């Protein structure tokens, strides 16, 4: 997030373009110092992108982490877009 504010949940949306882990890391490095271990960061982002392939647009998600510090997506609510909006989400 550009503001740097953390949010416990987010909604899956369609961007209209494919997003790669490398693109995500490059964009992150524009606003923050690069991670000390670029390979570990790319592994986490790759795991995150792979996990996103299994969920549908509109689902409300949260992220937990495995013991290996890899992201695990948790679907909190399916098809969030069809439910009354929560104005507190970004």
C-alpha atoms as a PDB file:
ATOM      1  CA  UNK A   1       0.000   0.000   0.000  1.00  0.00           C
ATOM      2  CA  UNK A   2       1.317   3.417  -0.849  1.00  0.00           C
ATOM      3  CA  UNK A   3       0.339   4.749   2.568  1.00  0.00           C
ATOM      4  CA  UNK A   4       2.279   2.038   4.378  1.00  0.00           C
ATOM      5  CA  UNK A   5      -0.789   1.257   6.483  1.00  0.00           C
ATOM      6  CA  UNK A   6      -1.264  -2.438   7.291  1.00  0.00           C
ATOM      7  CA  UNK A   7      -4.619  -4.124   6.705  1.00  0.00           C
ATOM      8  CA  UNK A   8      -5.577  -7.530   8.137  1.00  0.00           C
ATOM      9  CA  UNK A   9      -7.605  -8.504   5.042  1.00  0.00           C
ATOM     10  CA  UNK A  10      -7.874  -7.682   1.360  1.00  0.00           C
ATOM     11  CA  UNK A  11     -10.103  -8.431  -1.608  1.00  0.00           C
ATOM     12  CA  UNK A  12      -8.842 -10.213  -4.719  1.00  0.00           C
ATOM     13  CA  UNK A  13      -9.325  -7.990  -7.759  1.00  0.00           C
ATOM     14  CA  UNK A  14      -8.498  -8.158 -11.452  1.00  0.00           C
ATOM     15  CA  UNK A  15      -5.769  -5.790 -12.615  1.00  0.00           C
ATOM     16  CA  UNK A  16      -6.008  -6.507 -16.330  1.00  0.00           C
ATOM     17  CA  UNK A  17      -2.340  -7.525 -16.576  1.00  0.00           C
ATOM     18  CA  UNK A  18      -0.268 -10.429 -15.325  1.00  0.00           C
ATOM     19  CA  UNK A  19       1.806  -9.542 -12.270  1.00  0.00           C
ATOM     20  CA  UNK A  20       5.041 -11.409 -11.602  1.00  0.00           C
ATOM     21  CA  UNK A  21       6.954 -11.765  -8.333  1.00  0.00           C
ATOM     22  CA  UNK A  22       9.796  -9.804  -9.933  1.00  0.00           C
ATOM     23  CA  UNK A  23       7.433  -6.926 -10.739  1.00  0.00           C
ATOM     24  CA  UNK A  24       6.137  -6.934  -7.166  1.00  0.00           C
ATOM     25  CA  UNK A  25       9.657  -6.854  -5.715  1.00  0.00           C
ATOM     26  CA  UNK A  26      10.736  -4.079  -8.072  1.00  0.00           C
ATOM     27  CA  UNK A  27       7.735  -1.964  -7.087  1.00  0.00           C
ATOM     28  CA  UNK A  28       8.364  -2.633  -3.392  1.00  0.00           C
ATOM     29  CA  UNK A  29      11.961  -1.480  -3.773  1.00  0.00           C
ATOM     30  CA  UNK A  30      10.716   1.879  -5.118  1.00  0.00           C
ATOM     31  CA  UNK A  31       9.227   2.761  -1.724  1.00  0.00           C
ATOM     32  CA  UNK A  32      11.373   0.748   0.700  1.00  0.00           C
ATOM     33  CA  UNK A  33      14.955  -0.452   0.971  1.00  0.00           C
ATOM     34  CA  UNK A  34      15.590  -3.713  -0.894  1.00  0.00           C
ATOM     35  CA  UNK A  35      15.314  -6.863   1.242  1.00  0.00           C
ATOM     36  CA  UNK A  36      18.638  -8.268   2.473  1.00  0.00           C
ATOM     37  CA  UNK A  37      17.949 -11.650   0.811  1.00  0.00           C
ATOM     38  CA  UNK A  38      16.433 -11.049  -2.621  1.00  0.00           C
ATOM     39  CA  UNK A  39      16.098 -14.791  -3.364  1.00  0.00           C
ATOM     40  CA  UNK A  40      14.115 -15.417  -0.169  1.00  0.00           C
ATOM     41  CA  UNK A  41      11.863 -12.441  -0.960  1.00  0.00           C
ATOM     42  CA  UNK A  42      11.245 -13.752  -4.490  1.00  0.00           C
ATOM     43  CA  UNK A  43      10.425 -17.208  -3.081  1.00  0.00           C
ATOM     44  CA  UNK A  44       7.827 -15.663  -0.722  1.00  0.00           C
ATOM     45  CA  UNK A  45       6.328 -13.592  -3.538  1.00  0.00           C
ATOM     46  CA  UNK A  46       6.265 -16.593  -5.886  1.00  0.00           C
ATOM     47  CA  UNK A  47       4.470 -18.661  -3.234  1.00  0.00           C
ATOM     48  CA  UNK A  48       2.012 -15.793  -2.725  1.00  0.00           C
ATOM     49  CA  UNK A  49       1.312 -15.459  -6.475  1.00  0.00           C
ATOM     50  CA  UNK A  50       0.872 -19.226  -6.829  1.00  0.00           C
ATOM     51  CA  UNK A  51      -1.602 -19.250  -3.920  1.00  0.00           C
ATOM     52  CA  UNK A  52      -3.587 -16.419  -5.533  1.00  0.00           C
ATOM     53  CA  UNK A  53      -4.218 -18.626  -8.578  1.00  0.00           C
ATOM     54  CA  UNK A  54      -6.433 -20.865  -6.420  1.00  0.00           C
ATOM     55  CA  UNK A  55      -8.815 -18.125  -5.247  1.00  0.00           C
ATOM     56  CA  UNK A  56     -11.505 -16.242  -7.123  1.00  0.00           C
ATOM     57  CA  UNK A  57     -11.887 -12.563  -7.827  1.00  0.00           C
ATOM     58  CA  UNK A  58     -14.039 -10.975  -5.144  1.00  0.00           C
ATOM     59  CA  UNK A  59     -12.928 -13.265  -2.303  1.00  0.00           C
ATOM     60  CA  UNK A  60     -11.921 -11.652   0.984  1.00  0.00           C
ATOM     61  CA  UNK A  61      -8.511 -12.984   2.077  1.00  0.00           C
ATOM     62  CA  UNK A  62      -6.097 -12.844   4.956  1.00  0.00           C
ATOM     63  CA  UNK A  63      -2.507 -14.078   4.974  1.00  0.00           C
ATOM     64  CA  UNK A  64      -0.920 -16.415   7.493  1.00  0.00           C
ATOM     65  CA  UNK A  65       2.592 -17.810   7.310  1.00  0.00           C
ATOM     66  CA  UNK A  66       3.928 -21.363   7.347  1.00  0.00           C
ATOM     67  CA  UNK A  67       6.787 -22.379   9.667  1.00  0.00           C
ATOM     68  CA  UNK A  68       9.098 -21.709   6.696  1.00  0.00           C
ATOM     69  CA  UNK A  69       7.754 -18.105   6.626  1.00  0.00           C
ATOM     70  CA  UNK A  70       5.944 -18.706   3.342  1.00  0.00           C
ATOM     71  CA  UNK A  71       2.559 -17.038   2.829  1.00  0.00           C
ATOM     72  CA  UNK A  72      -0.610 -19.092   3.206  1.00  0.00           C
ATOM     73  CA  UNK A  73      -3.784 -17.412   1.950  1.00  0.00           C
ATOM     74  CA  UNK A  74      -6.970 -17.919   3.960  1.00  0.00           C
ATOM     75  CA  UNK A  75     -10.327 -17.236   2.310  1.00  0.00           C
ATOM     76  CA  UNK A  76     -12.311 -15.341   4.938  1.00  0.00           C
ATOM     77  CA  UNK A  77     -15.385 -14.833   2.791  1.00  0.00           C
ATOM     78  CA  UNK A  78     -16.224 -15.957  -0.736  1.00  0.00           C
ATOM     79  CA  UNK A  79     -17.463 -13.531  -3.382  1.00  0.00           C
ATOM     80  CA  UNK A  80     -17.055 -10.515  -1.144  1.00  0.00           C
ATOM     81  CA  UNK A  81     -18.128  -8.160  -3.939  1.00  0.00           C
ATOM     82  CA  UNK A  82     -21.694  -9.508  -3.834  1.00  0.00           C
ATOM     83  CA  UNK A  83     -22.071  -8.739  -0.119  1.00  0.00           C
ATOM     84  CA  UNK A  84     -22.674  -5.352   1.468  1.00  0.00           C
ATOM     85  CA  UNK A  85     -19.337  -3.456   1.261  1.00  0.00           C
ATOM     86  CA  UNK A  86     -17.119  -2.958   4.285  1.00  0.00           C
ATOM     87  CA  UNK A  87     -15.984   0.664   4.067  1.00  0.00           C
ATOM     88  CA  UNK A  88     -12.936  -0.018   6.266  1.00  0.00           C
ATOM     89  CA  UNK A  89     -11.172  -2.105   3.599  1.00  0.00           C
ATOM     90  CA  UNK A  90      -8.785  -0.372   1.195  1.00  0.00           C
END
